[in-house]
Every structure is written in C-alpha cells, then in structure tokens.
Amino acid sequence: MRHAEFFFDFGSPNAYLAHKLLPGIAERTGAEIVYVPILLGGVFKLTNNRSPAESLVGIRNKAAYERLEMTRFIRRHAIPFTMNPHFPVNTLQLMRGAIAAQELGVFERYVDAVFDHMWREPKKMDDPVVVAAALAQSDLPAEALMALAQTQPIKDRLLANTHDAVERGTFGAPTFFVAGEIYFGKDRLDAVEEALGAG
C-alpha cells in the first residue's frame, strides 16, 4: 500500500497544522499515513540546526513574514489554532508517551489529544500534573502511559527513531518521506499528496 511517513514532534506548531490536513490527503489518495514520533530537540542537536525562534533572531522582517504565512495557512484551511503561551515546551515526556501509546494501542487517540492540548486549547504540556490531567480528560490511560514512558525500551525506541530520521535526511519537523523521497514542512503537503497520488 502506498504510504507517507510523517516524522513529528508535538512541540512543532507546523507539525500540528500538517496533522490536521493529513486525513484529507489519505482519503483523497487512498494512501496510509505512518506517524513516526521523534524528538525535535535531538534532531536539532544531531544536525546543528536551530528552531526558527532562535535562527530568526536579529533578521529584520523575516519573523513577521513567517507569522503572516502561518496565519494565511491557518485561515486557508480553517484549522483551529491558538499559539501556546508556554512555547517552547519541552516535549521529551510527550514523545516518549507517544511510543508508549503505540505499545498500549491508543496511539491515534493520544496523538490527536496531545496535539489539541498543545495547539487548540493550549496547556503547559511539560508539567507532569498538567499532562496527566489532560490525558485523563481525553479518556486516555494517563497513569499507564506515563509509567511506561519512563521505561528504557521506550526511551531507546524514541532515540532510535530520532537517529534514523536524521540519517535519512531529516533536519526538522514536520518531515515526510514518500517512496524514499524527503519533503520538509507543512508547505510541502501539496507535493506529498502529488507523490502519493502518482503512486
């Protein structure tokens, strides 16, 4: 079956925006979207990259333009979005939780819920108490998820995902792979859909 791999971190607002459009792409192309949790901070460290919040500092006008383009994207696709007032959020536990959710068979629900708690009704999602409450509110097994996320196999798998992503060419999130070809950023979703549609 045709598929696209989606390498994501909950801390990326652009990954959230892409996530909201991926079901439509899957429906239109008949392809599967395979979600791969990675740690964006780890990607930055391994590639010597920096977040836009850091890299745009001191560049006149560019940050304002990037915000404008994001606003246009959100409006064009009618995506519910609220900038998280706690940004940037340390997502290490959330991303380990995503691996744990795969093990517990609640991955899709976990991804939807955490993205929404980050970017739709934003909360301080690096506070364990807040995370536990948010997961429980979303009818997810918060205690089991958070306990499993602390185990070494889960930690190792997230690390392996992150290293594999970088070895394949990833330098940020969201990143997509279709038939071995890399596409970076929410603004490449049209190209991702075209590649999937071409089979």
N, C-alpha and C. Protein backbone atom coordinates (compact mmCIF):
# COMPACT_ATOMS: atom_id res chain seq x y z
N MET A 1 0.84 -1.20 0.00
CA MET A 1 0.00 0.00 0.00
C MET A 1 0.88 1.25 0.00
N ARG A 2 0.49 2.23 -0.82
CA ARG A 2 1.22 3.49 -0.82
C ARG A 2 1.13 4.14 0.55
N HIS A 3 2.22 4.76 0.96
CA HIS A 3 2.19 5.41 2.27
C HIS A 3 3.19 6.57 2.31
N ALA A 4 2.91 7.47 3.25
CA ALA A 4 3.84 8.55 3.58
C ALA A 4 4.21 8.42 5.04
N GLU A 5 5.47 8.57 5.34
CA GLU A 5 5.92 8.60 6.73
C GLU A 5 5.92 10.06 7.19
N PHE A 6 5.40 10.28 8.37
CA PHE A 6 5.28 11.61 8.95
C PHE A 6 6.10 11.64 10.24
N PHE A 7 7.25 12.27 10.18
CA PHE A 7 8.12 12.40 11.36
C PHE A 7 7.72 13.69 12.08
N PHE A 8 7.31 13.55 13.34
CA PHE A 8 6.70 14.68 14.04
C PHE A 8 7.14 14.78 15.48
N ASP A 9 6.97 15.99 16.02
CA ASP A 9 7.16 16.28 17.44
C ASP A 9 6.01 17.22 17.82
N PHE A 10 5.38 16.96 18.96
CA PHE A 10 4.24 17.77 19.39
C PHE A 10 4.61 19.24 19.60
N GLY A 11 5.88 19.53 19.80
CA GLY A 11 6.30 20.90 20.07
C GLY A 11 6.32 21.79 18.84
N SER A 12 6.12 21.22 17.67
CA SER A 12 6.14 21.98 16.42
C SER A 12 4.73 22.39 16.03
N PRO A 13 4.43 23.69 16.01
CA PRO A 13 3.10 24.10 15.55
C PRO A 13 2.85 23.71 14.10
N ASN A 14 3.89 23.69 13.29
CA ASN A 14 3.72 23.30 11.90
C ASN A 14 3.40 21.82 11.75
N ALA A 15 3.92 21.00 12.66
CA ALA A 15 3.57 19.58 12.66
C ALA A 15 2.08 19.42 13.00
N TYR A 16 1.59 20.21 13.95
CA TYR A 16 0.16 20.18 14.29
C TYR A 16 -0.68 20.56 13.08
N LEU A 17 -0.31 21.62 12.38
CA LEU A 17 -1.07 22.07 11.22
C LEU A 17 -1.08 21.01 10.13
N ALA A 18 0.07 20.36 9.92
CA ALA A 18 0.13 19.28 8.94
C ALA A 18 -0.76 18.11 9.37
N HIS A 19 -0.70 17.76 10.65
CA HIS A 19 -1.50 16.67 11.20
C HIS A 19 -2.98 16.86 10.89
N LYS A 20 -3.45 18.09 10.96
CA LYS A 20 -4.87 18.37 10.72
C LYS A 20 -5.26 18.16 9.26
N LEU A 21 -4.30 18.25 8.34
CA LEU A 21 -4.60 18.08 6.92
C LEU A 21 -4.33 16.68 6.40
N LEU A 22 -3.60 15.88 7.14
CA LEU A 22 -3.21 14.56 6.65
C LEU A 22 -4.39 13.61 6.42
N PRO A 23 -5.44 13.63 7.25
CA PRO A 23 -6.57 12.72 6.96
C PRO A 23 -7.18 12.99 5.59
N GLY A 24 -7.29 14.23 5.19
CA GLY A 24 -7.82 14.56 3.88
C GLY A 24 -6.95 14.03 2.76
N ILE A 25 -5.63 14.14 2.95
CA ILE A 25 -4.71 13.63 1.94
C ILE A 25 -4.83 12.12 1.83
N ALA A 26 -4.93 11.44 2.98
CA ALA A 26 -5.09 9.98 2.98
C ALA A 26 -6.38 9.57 2.26
N GLU A 27 -7.45 10.31 2.50
CA GLU A 27 -8.73 9.99 1.88
C GLU A 27 -8.69 10.21 0.37
N ARG A 28 -8.08 11.30 -0.05
CA ARG A 28 -8.06 11.62 -1.49
C ARG A 28 -7.15 10.69 -2.28
N THR A 29 -6.08 10.21 -1.64
CA THR A 29 -5.09 9.40 -2.37
C THR A 29 -5.25 7.90 -2.12
N GLY A 30 -5.98 7.54 -1.06
CA GLY A 30 -6.08 6.14 -0.69
C GLY A 30 -4.81 5.61 -0.06
N ALA A 31 -3.92 6.50 0.33
CA ALA A 31 -2.64 6.11 0.92
C ALA A 31 -2.72 6.10 2.44
N GLU A 32 -1.77 5.43 3.05
CA GLU A 32 -1.66 5.37 4.51
C GLU A 32 -0.65 6.41 4.97
N ILE A 33 -0.96 7.08 6.08
CA ILE A 33 0.00 7.99 6.70
C ILE A 33 0.57 7.30 7.93
N VAL A 34 1.86 7.08 7.94
CA VAL A 34 2.53 6.39 9.05
C VAL A 34 3.21 7.44 9.93
N TYR A 35 2.71 7.59 11.14
CA TYR A 35 3.25 8.57 12.08
C TYR A 35 4.47 8.00 12.79
N VAL A 36 5.55 8.77 12.81
CA VAL A 36 6.79 8.35 13.47
C VAL A 36 7.20 9.40 14.49
N PRO A 37 7.07 9.12 15.78
CA PRO A 37 7.48 10.09 16.81
C PRO A 37 8.99 10.26 16.85
N ILE A 38 9.45 11.49 16.87
CA ILE A 38 10.86 11.80 17.03
C ILE A 38 10.99 12.92 18.06
N LEU A 39 12.21 13.16 18.52
CA LEU A 39 12.46 14.27 19.44
C LEU A 39 13.14 15.39 18.66
N LEU A 40 12.41 16.47 18.46
CA LEU A 40 12.92 17.56 17.63
C LEU A 40 14.19 18.17 18.21
N GLY A 41 14.25 18.30 19.52
CA GLY A 41 15.47 18.81 20.14
C GLY A 41 16.67 17.94 19.82
N GLY A 42 16.46 16.62 19.78
CA GLY A 42 17.52 15.70 19.41
C GLY A 42 17.94 15.86 17.95
N VAL A 43 16.96 16.08 17.08
CA VAL A 43 17.26 16.32 15.67
C VAL A 43 18.11 17.57 15.52
N PHE A 44 17.71 18.64 16.22
CA PHE A 44 18.48 19.89 16.15
C PHE A 44 19.92 19.67 16.61
N LYS A 45 20.07 18.93 17.69
CA LYS A 45 21.41 18.69 18.23
C LYS A 45 22.26 17.87 17.25
N LEU A 46 21.66 16.85 16.64
CA LEU A 46 22.40 15.97 15.74
C LEU A 46 22.74 16.64 14.42
N THR A 47 21.96 17.65 14.03
CA THR A 47 22.17 18.30 12.73
C THR A 47 22.75 19.71 12.86
N ASN A 48 22.98 20.16 14.10
CA ASN A 48 23.45 21.52 14.35
C ASN A 48 22.46 22.56 13.81
N ASN A 49 21.19 22.19 13.84
CA ASN A 49 20.12 23.09 13.41
C ASN A 49 19.58 23.84 14.63
N ARG A 50 18.79 24.87 14.38
CA ARG A 50 18.15 25.62 15.46
C ARG A 50 16.70 25.89 15.09
N SER A 51 15.89 26.10 16.11
CA SER A 51 14.49 26.41 15.86
C SER A 51 14.37 27.80 15.23
N PRO A 52 13.27 28.06 14.50
CA PRO A 52 13.07 29.40 13.95
C PRO A 52 13.09 30.49 15.01
N ALA A 53 12.61 30.15 16.22
CA ALA A 53 12.61 31.14 17.30
C ALA A 53 14.02 31.64 17.59
N GLU A 54 15.01 30.76 17.36
CA GLU A 54 16.41 31.15 17.56
C GLU A 54 17.03 31.68 16.27
N SER A 55 16.81 30.97 15.16
CA SER A 55 17.52 31.31 13.93
C SER A 55 17.06 32.62 13.31
N LEU A 56 15.84 33.05 13.62
CA LEU A 56 15.34 34.29 13.03
C LEU A 56 15.67 35.54 13.85
N VAL A 57 16.24 35.34 15.01
CA VAL A 57 16.59 36.46 15.88
C VAL A 57 17.59 37.38 15.15
N GLY A 58 17.28 38.66 15.12
CA GLY A 58 18.17 39.63 14.52
C GLY A 58 17.97 39.85 13.03
N ILE A 59 17.07 39.05 12.41
CA ILE A 59 16.81 39.23 10.97
C ILE A 59 15.57 40.11 10.82
N ARG A 60 15.76 41.26 10.29
CA ARG A 60 14.67 42.20 10.18
C ARG A 60 13.58 41.69 9.22
N ASN A 61 12.34 41.74 9.66
CA ASN A 61 11.14 41.46 8.87
C ASN A 61 10.82 39.98 8.67
N LYS A 62 11.80 39.09 8.76
CA LYS A 62 11.54 37.70 8.38
C LYS A 62 10.60 37.00 9.35
N ALA A 63 10.78 37.20 10.65
CA ALA A 63 9.90 36.54 11.62
C ALA A 63 8.45 37.01 11.44
N ALA A 64 8.28 38.30 11.18
CA ALA A 64 6.93 38.83 10.95
C ALA A 64 6.31 38.20 9.71
N TYR A 65 7.11 38.01 8.67
CA TYR A 65 6.60 37.39 7.46
C TYR A 65 6.22 35.93 7.71
N GLU A 66 7.04 35.21 8.46
CA GLU A 66 6.73 33.81 8.76
C GLU A 66 5.42 33.71 9.53
N ARG A 67 5.18 34.62 10.46
CA ARG A 67 3.92 34.63 11.20
C ARG A 67 2.74 34.91 10.26
N LEU A 68 2.95 35.80 9.31
CA LEU A 68 1.91 36.11 8.33
C LEU A 68 1.57 34.88 7.50
N GLU A 69 2.58 34.16 7.04
CA GLU A 69 2.34 32.97 6.23
C GLU A 69 1.61 31.90 7.03
N MET A 70 1.95 31.77 8.31
CA MET A 70 1.25 30.80 9.15
C MET A 70 -0.21 31.19 9.30
N THR A 71 -0.47 32.47 9.51
CA THR A 71 -1.84 32.96 9.63
C THR A 71 -2.63 32.67 8.36
N ARG A 72 -2.00 32.90 7.21
CA ARG A 72 -2.66 32.62 5.93
C ARG A 72 -2.99 31.14 5.80
N PHE A 73 -2.04 30.28 6.18
CA PHE A 73 -2.23 28.83 6.08
C PHE A 73 -3.39 28.39 6.96
N ILE A 74 -3.42 28.89 8.19
CA ILE A 74 -4.48 28.53 9.14
C ILE A 74 -5.83 28.98 8.62
N ARG A 75 -5.89 30.19 8.09
CA ARG A 75 -7.15 30.72 7.57
C ARG A 75 -7.59 29.95 6.32
N ARG A 76 -6.65 29.66 5.42
CA ARG A 76 -6.98 28.97 4.17
C ARG A 76 -7.60 27.60 4.45
N HIS A 77 -7.08 26.91 5.46
CA HIS A 77 -7.53 25.55 5.74
C HIS A 77 -8.50 25.47 6.91
N ALA A 78 -8.86 26.62 7.49
CA ALA A 78 -9.83 26.67 8.60
C ALA A 78 -9.44 25.72 9.73
N ILE A 79 -8.20 25.84 10.18
CA ILE A 79 -7.68 24.97 11.24
C ILE A 79 -7.79 25.70 12.58
N PRO A 80 -8.42 25.09 13.57
CA PRO A 80 -8.44 25.71 14.90
C PRO A 80 -7.04 25.74 15.50
N PHE A 81 -6.59 26.91 15.90
CA PHE A 81 -5.20 27.05 16.38
C PHE A 81 -5.11 28.21 17.36
N THR A 82 -4.40 27.96 18.46
CA THR A 82 -4.07 29.01 19.41
C THR A 82 -2.60 28.85 19.79
N MET A 83 -1.82 29.88 19.61
CA MET A 83 -0.39 29.79 19.95
C MET A 83 -0.24 29.47 21.43
N ASN A 84 0.55 28.45 21.73
CA ASN A 84 0.73 28.03 23.11
C ASN A 84 1.53 29.10 23.87
N PRO A 85 0.95 29.67 24.93
CA PRO A 85 1.66 30.73 25.65
C PRO A 85 2.89 30.24 26.39
N HIS A 86 3.04 28.91 26.50
CA HIS A 86 4.20 28.33 27.20
C HIS A 86 5.30 27.91 26.22
N PHE A 87 5.11 28.21 24.95
CA PHE A 87 6.08 27.83 23.92
C PHE A 87 7.42 28.52 24.16
N PRO A 88 8.55 27.81 23.97
CA PRO A 88 8.66 26.41 23.59
C PRO A 88 8.45 25.47 24.78
N VAL A 89 7.84 24.35 24.50
CA VAL A 89 7.53 23.34 25.51
C VAL A 89 8.50 22.17 25.36
N ASN A 90 9.05 21.71 26.46
CA ASN A 90 9.93 20.53 26.44
C ASN A 90 9.05 19.30 26.21
N THR A 91 9.22 18.64 25.08
CA THR A 91 8.32 17.56 24.69
C THR A 91 8.88 16.15 24.94
N LEU A 92 9.98 16.05 25.65
CA LEU A 92 10.61 14.73 25.84
C LEU A 92 9.62 13.70 26.37
N GLN A 93 8.90 14.03 27.44
CA GLN A 93 7.98 13.06 28.03
C GLN A 93 6.78 12.80 27.11
N LEU A 94 6.33 13.83 26.42
CA LEU A 94 5.21 13.65 25.49
C LEU A 94 5.58 12.70 24.35
N MET A 95 6.80 12.84 23.83
CA MET A 95 7.22 12.00 22.72
C MET A 95 7.48 10.56 23.18
N ARG A 96 8.03 10.41 24.38
CA ARG A 96 8.14 9.06 24.94
C ARG A 96 6.74 8.49 25.15
N GLY A 97 5.82 9.35 25.56
CA GLY A 97 4.44 8.92 25.74
C GLY A 97 3.83 8.42 24.44
N ALA A 98 4.21 9.03 23.32
CA ALA A 98 3.70 8.59 22.02
C ALA A 98 4.16 7.17 21.71
N ILE A 99 5.40 6.86 22.03
CA ILE A 99 5.90 5.49 21.84
C ILE A 99 5.14 4.54 22.77
N ALA A 100 4.93 4.97 24.01
CA ALA A 100 4.16 4.16 24.96
C ALA A 100 2.74 3.93 24.44
N ALA A 101 2.15 4.96 23.85
CA ALA A 101 0.79 4.84 23.32
C ALA A 101 0.72 3.82 22.19
N GLN A 102 1.78 3.71 21.40
CA GLN A 102 1.83 2.67 20.38
C GLN A 102 1.76 1.30 21.02
N GLU A 103 2.51 1.12 22.11
CA GLU A 103 2.53 -0.16 22.81
C GLU A 103 1.17 -0.49 23.42
N LEU A 104 0.47 0.53 23.90
CA LEU A 104 -0.81 0.31 24.59
C LEU A 104 -2.01 0.34 23.66
N GLY A 105 -1.77 0.55 22.36
CA GLY A 105 -2.85 0.50 21.40
C GLY A 105 -3.76 1.71 21.40
N VAL A 106 -3.24 2.87 21.86
CA VAL A 106 -4.05 4.10 21.90
C VAL A 106 -3.34 5.24 21.17
N PHE A 107 -2.50 4.88 20.21
CA PHE A 107 -1.62 5.87 19.59
C PHE A 107 -2.40 6.98 18.88
N GLU A 108 -3.35 6.63 18.04
CA GLU A 108 -4.08 7.65 17.27
C GLU A 108 -4.81 8.61 18.20
N ARG A 109 -5.46 8.06 19.21
CA ARG A 109 -6.18 8.90 20.18
C ARG A 109 -5.22 9.80 20.95
N TYR A 110 -4.06 9.25 21.30
CA TYR A 110 -3.05 10.01 22.04
C TYR A 110 -2.54 11.17 21.19
N VAL A 111 -2.22 10.89 19.94
CA VAL A 111 -1.69 11.93 19.06
C VAL A 111 -2.70 13.06 18.88
N ASP A 112 -3.94 12.70 18.59
CA ASP A 112 -4.99 13.73 18.44
C ASP A 112 -5.12 14.57 19.70
N ALA A 113 -5.17 13.90 20.84
CA ALA A 113 -5.38 14.60 22.11
C ALA A 113 -4.22 15.51 22.45
N VAL A 114 -2.99 15.02 22.35
CA VAL A 114 -1.84 15.82 22.74
C VAL A 114 -1.66 17.01 21.81
N PHE A 115 -1.83 16.80 20.51
CA PHE A 115 -1.75 17.94 19.59
C PHE A 115 -2.79 19.00 19.96
N ASP A 116 -4.00 18.57 20.27
CA ASP A 116 -5.04 19.54 20.63
C ASP A 116 -4.73 20.25 21.94
N HIS A 117 -4.19 19.53 22.91
CA HIS A 117 -3.84 20.15 24.18
C HIS A 117 -2.64 21.09 24.05
N MET A 118 -1.87 20.91 22.99
CA MET A 118 -0.74 21.80 22.73
C MET A 118 -1.15 23.04 21.95
N TRP A 119 -2.04 22.85 20.93
CA TRP A 119 -2.23 23.91 19.95
C TRP A 119 -3.69 24.31 19.70
N ARG A 120 -4.64 23.62 20.29
CA ARG A 120 -6.04 24.00 20.12
C ARG A 120 -6.58 24.65 21.40
N GLU A 121 -6.34 23.95 22.51
CA GLU A 121 -6.66 24.50 23.84
C GLU A 121 -5.38 24.39 24.66
N PRO A 122 -4.41 25.27 24.36
CA PRO A 122 -3.03 25.05 24.82
C PRO A 122 -2.86 25.05 26.33
N LYS A 123 -2.01 24.11 26.75
CA LYS A 123 -1.68 23.94 28.16
C LYS A 123 -0.17 23.80 28.30
N LYS A 124 0.31 23.86 29.52
CA LYS A 124 1.74 23.70 29.80
C LYS A 124 2.07 22.21 29.81
N MET A 125 2.31 21.68 28.63
CA MET A 125 2.40 20.23 28.47
C MET A 125 3.78 19.65 28.77
N ASP A 126 4.60 20.40 29.50
CA ASP A 126 5.81 19.80 30.06
C ASP A 126 5.72 19.71 31.58
N ASP A 127 4.53 19.99 32.11
CA ASP A 127 4.25 19.83 33.54
C ASP A 127 3.52 18.49 33.72
N PRO A 128 4.14 17.53 34.41
CA PRO A 128 3.54 16.19 34.53
C PRO A 128 2.12 16.20 35.09
N VAL A 129 1.84 17.10 36.00
CA VAL A 129 0.49 17.17 36.57
C VAL A 129 -0.51 17.62 35.51
N VAL A 130 -0.11 18.61 34.72
CA VAL A 130 -0.97 19.10 33.64
C VAL A 130 -1.17 18.02 32.59
N VAL A 131 -0.10 17.32 32.24
CA VAL A 131 -0.18 16.26 31.24
C VAL A 131 -1.12 15.16 31.71
N ALA A 132 -0.97 14.73 32.94
CA ALA A 132 -1.83 13.67 33.48
C ALA A 132 -3.30 14.07 33.42
N ALA A 133 -3.58 15.31 33.79
CA ALA A 133 -4.97 15.80 33.76
C ALA A 133 -5.49 15.87 32.33
N ALA A 134 -4.65 16.32 31.41
CA ALA A 134 -5.07 16.45 30.01
C ALA A 134 -5.36 15.07 29.42
N LEU A 135 -4.51 14.09 29.70
CA LEU A 135 -4.72 12.75 29.17
C LEU A 135 -5.99 12.13 29.75
N ALA A 136 -6.18 12.32 31.05
CA ALA A 136 -7.39 11.79 31.68
C ALA A 136 -8.64 12.45 31.10
N GLN A 137 -8.56 13.75 30.87
CA GLN A 137 -9.68 14.49 30.26
C GLN A 137 -10.03 13.92 28.90
N SER A 138 -9.02 13.39 28.21
CA SER A 138 -9.22 12.83 26.87
C SER A 138 -9.51 11.33 26.92
N ASP A 139 -9.83 10.82 28.11
CA ASP A 139 -10.16 9.40 28.30
C ASP A 139 -9.03 8.47 27.87
N LEU A 140 -7.81 8.89 28.17
CA LEU A 140 -6.64 8.07 27.92
C LEU A 140 -6.09 7.56 29.25
N PRO A 141 -5.42 6.39 29.26
CA PRO A 141 -4.88 5.82 30.49
C PRO A 141 -3.62 6.56 30.94
N ALA A 142 -3.81 7.70 31.55
CA ALA A 142 -2.70 8.60 31.87
C ALA A 142 -1.62 7.91 32.70
N GLU A 143 -2.03 7.22 33.76
CA GLU A 143 -1.05 6.61 34.66
C GLU A 143 -0.23 5.56 33.94
N ALA A 144 -0.89 4.70 33.18
CA ALA A 144 -0.17 3.64 32.46
C ALA A 144 0.76 4.22 31.40
N LEU A 145 0.29 5.24 30.68
CA LEU A 145 1.11 5.88 29.65
C LEU A 145 2.36 6.52 30.25
N MET A 146 2.17 7.26 31.32
CA MET A 146 3.29 7.99 31.90
C MET A 146 4.28 7.04 32.56
N ALA A 147 3.80 5.92 33.11
CA ALA A 147 4.71 4.94 33.71
C ALA A 147 5.52 4.23 32.63
N LEU A 148 4.84 3.80 31.57
CA LEU A 148 5.53 3.08 30.50
C LEU A 148 6.53 3.99 29.80
N ALA A 149 6.22 5.27 29.70
CA ALA A 149 7.11 6.22 29.04
C ALA A 149 8.46 6.34 29.74
N GLN A 150 8.53 5.94 31.01
CA GLN A 150 9.77 6.04 31.76
C GLN A 150 10.66 4.80 31.63
N THR A 151 10.19 3.79 30.91
CA THR A 151 10.97 2.55 30.81
C THR A 151 12.02 2.66 29.72
N GLN A 152 13.10 1.91 29.88
CA GLN A 152 14.24 2.03 28.98
C GLN A 152 13.92 1.65 27.53
N PRO A 153 13.14 0.60 27.29
CA PRO A 153 12.84 0.27 25.88
C PRO A 153 12.12 1.40 25.15
N ILE A 154 11.25 2.10 25.84
CA ILE A 154 10.53 3.23 25.22
C ILE A 154 11.51 4.35 24.93
N LYS A 155 12.36 4.68 25.89
CA LYS A 155 13.36 5.72 25.69
C LYS A 155 14.27 5.36 24.51
N ASP A 156 14.67 4.10 24.44
CA ASP A 156 15.58 3.66 23.37
C ASP A 156 14.92 3.77 22.01
N ARG A 157 13.63 3.44 21.93
CA ARG A 157 12.95 3.48 20.64
C ARG A 157 12.81 4.91 20.13
N LEU A 158 12.51 5.85 21.03
CA LEU A 158 12.42 7.25 20.61
C LEU A 158 13.78 7.73 20.12
N LEU A 159 14.82 7.36 20.82
CA LEU A 159 16.17 7.74 20.40
C LEU A 159 16.49 7.14 19.03
N ALA A 160 16.12 5.88 18.83
CA ALA A 160 16.39 5.22 17.56
C ALA A 160 15.61 5.88 16.43
N ASN A 161 14.34 6.22 16.68
CA ASN A 161 13.54 6.93 15.68
C ASN A 161 14.21 8.23 15.26
N THR A 162 14.71 8.95 16.26
CA THR A 162 15.31 10.26 16.02
C THR A 162 16.60 10.11 15.20
N HIS A 163 17.43 9.17 15.59
CA HIS A 163 18.68 8.95 14.85
C HIS A 163 18.40 8.48 13.43
N ASP A 164 17.42 7.59 13.27
CA ASP A 164 17.07 7.10 11.94
C ASP A 164 16.57 8.23 11.05
N ALA A 165 15.76 9.12 11.63
CA ALA A 165 15.24 10.25 10.86
C ALA A 165 16.37 11.12 10.35
N VAL A 166 17.35 11.39 11.20
CA VAL A 166 18.48 12.23 10.80
C VAL A 166 19.32 11.54 9.73
N GLU A 167 19.56 10.25 9.90
CA GLU A 167 20.36 9.51 8.93
C GLU A 167 19.69 9.51 7.55
N ARG A 168 18.37 9.61 7.53
CA ARG A 168 17.65 9.62 6.27
C ARG A 168 17.51 11.02 5.66
N GLY A 169 17.96 12.03 6.40
CA GLY A 169 17.96 13.38 5.84
C GLY A 169 17.16 14.41 6.61
N THR A 170 16.50 14.01 7.70
CA THR A 170 15.67 14.93 8.47
C THR A 170 16.52 15.96 9.20
N PHE A 171 16.05 17.20 9.21
CA PHE A 171 16.72 18.26 9.97
C PHE A 171 15.73 19.09 10.77
N GLY A 172 14.44 18.75 10.69
CA GLY A 172 13.41 19.48 11.42
C GLY A 172 12.10 18.74 11.32
N ALA A 173 11.03 19.39 11.78
CA ALA A 173 9.70 18.78 11.73
C ALA A 173 8.68 19.86 11.36
N PRO A 174 7.67 19.44 10.57
CA PRO A 174 7.38 18.10 10.11
C PRO A 174 8.20 17.71 8.88
N THR A 175 8.58 16.44 8.84
CA THR A 175 9.26 15.88 7.69
C THR A 175 8.47 14.67 7.20
N PHE A 176 8.41 14.53 5.88
CA PHE A 176 7.67 13.43 5.26
C PHE A 176 8.61 12.67 4.32
N PHE A 177 8.35 11.37 4.21
CA PHE A 177 9.03 10.55 3.21
C PHE A 177 7.98 9.80 2.40
N VAL A 178 8.08 9.89 1.10
CA VAL A 178 7.23 9.13 0.19
C VAL A 178 8.14 8.44 -0.82
N ALA A 179 8.09 7.12 -0.85
CA ALA A 179 8.92 6.34 -1.77
C ALA A 179 10.39 6.74 -1.68
N GLY A 180 10.84 6.98 -0.46
CA GLY A 180 12.25 7.31 -0.23
C GLY A 180 12.60 8.76 -0.43
N GLU A 181 11.67 9.57 -0.94
CA GLU A 181 11.92 10.99 -1.17
C GLU A 181 11.51 11.80 0.05
N ILE A 182 12.33 12.79 0.42
CA ILE A 182 12.06 13.62 1.59
C ILE A 182 11.35 14.90 1.20
N TYR A 183 10.41 15.31 2.06
CA TYR A 183 9.69 16.59 1.92
C TYR A 183 9.65 17.23 3.30
N PHE A 184 10.04 18.50 3.38
CA PHE A 184 10.08 19.16 4.69
C PHE A 184 9.06 20.29 4.76
N GLY A 185 8.32 20.31 5.86
CA GLY A 185 7.45 21.44 6.17
C GLY A 185 6.02 21.27 5.71
N LYS A 186 5.12 21.96 6.39
CA LYS A 186 3.70 21.90 6.05
C LYS A 186 3.44 22.45 4.65
N ASP A 187 4.30 23.33 4.17
CA ASP A 187 4.11 23.93 2.85
C ASP A 187 4.46 22.96 1.72
N ARG A 188 4.92 21.76 2.05
CA ARG A 188 5.21 20.75 1.04
C ARG A 188 4.11 19.68 0.98
N LEU A 189 3.01 19.91 1.67
CA LEU A 189 1.95 18.91 1.69
C LEU A 189 1.36 18.67 0.30
N ASP A 190 1.28 19.70 -0.52
CA ASP A 190 0.80 19.51 -1.89
C ASP A 190 1.70 18.55 -2.65
N ALA A 191 3.00 18.68 -2.45
CA ALA A 191 3.95 17.79 -3.13
C ALA A 191 3.84 16.37 -2.58
N VAL A 192 3.61 16.26 -1.28
CA VAL A 192 3.41 14.93 -0.67
C VAL A 192 2.18 14.26 -1.28
N GLU A 193 1.10 15.03 -1.37
CA GLU A 193 -0.13 14.47 -1.94
C GLU A 193 0.06 14.10 -3.40
N GLU A 194 0.76 14.92 -4.13
CA GLU A 194 1.02 14.63 -5.54
C GLU A 194 1.82 13.34 -5.68
N ALA A 195 2.83 13.17 -4.84
CA ALA A 195 3.66 11.96 -4.89
C ALA A 195 2.84 10.73 -4.55
N LEU A 196 1.97 10.85 -3.56
CA LEU A 196 1.12 9.72 -3.19
C LEU A 196 0.12 9.40 -4.30
N GLY A 197 -0.42 10.44 -4.89
CA GLY A 197 -1.39 10.24 -5.96
C GLY A 197 -0.77 9.62 -7.20
N ALA A 198 0.52 9.89 -7.39
CA ALA A 198 1.22 9.33 -8.55
C ALA A 198 1.58 7.87 -8.34
N GLY A 199 1.42 7.43 -7.08
CA GLY A 199 1.71 6.03 -6.78
C GLY A 199 3.19 5.75 -6.73
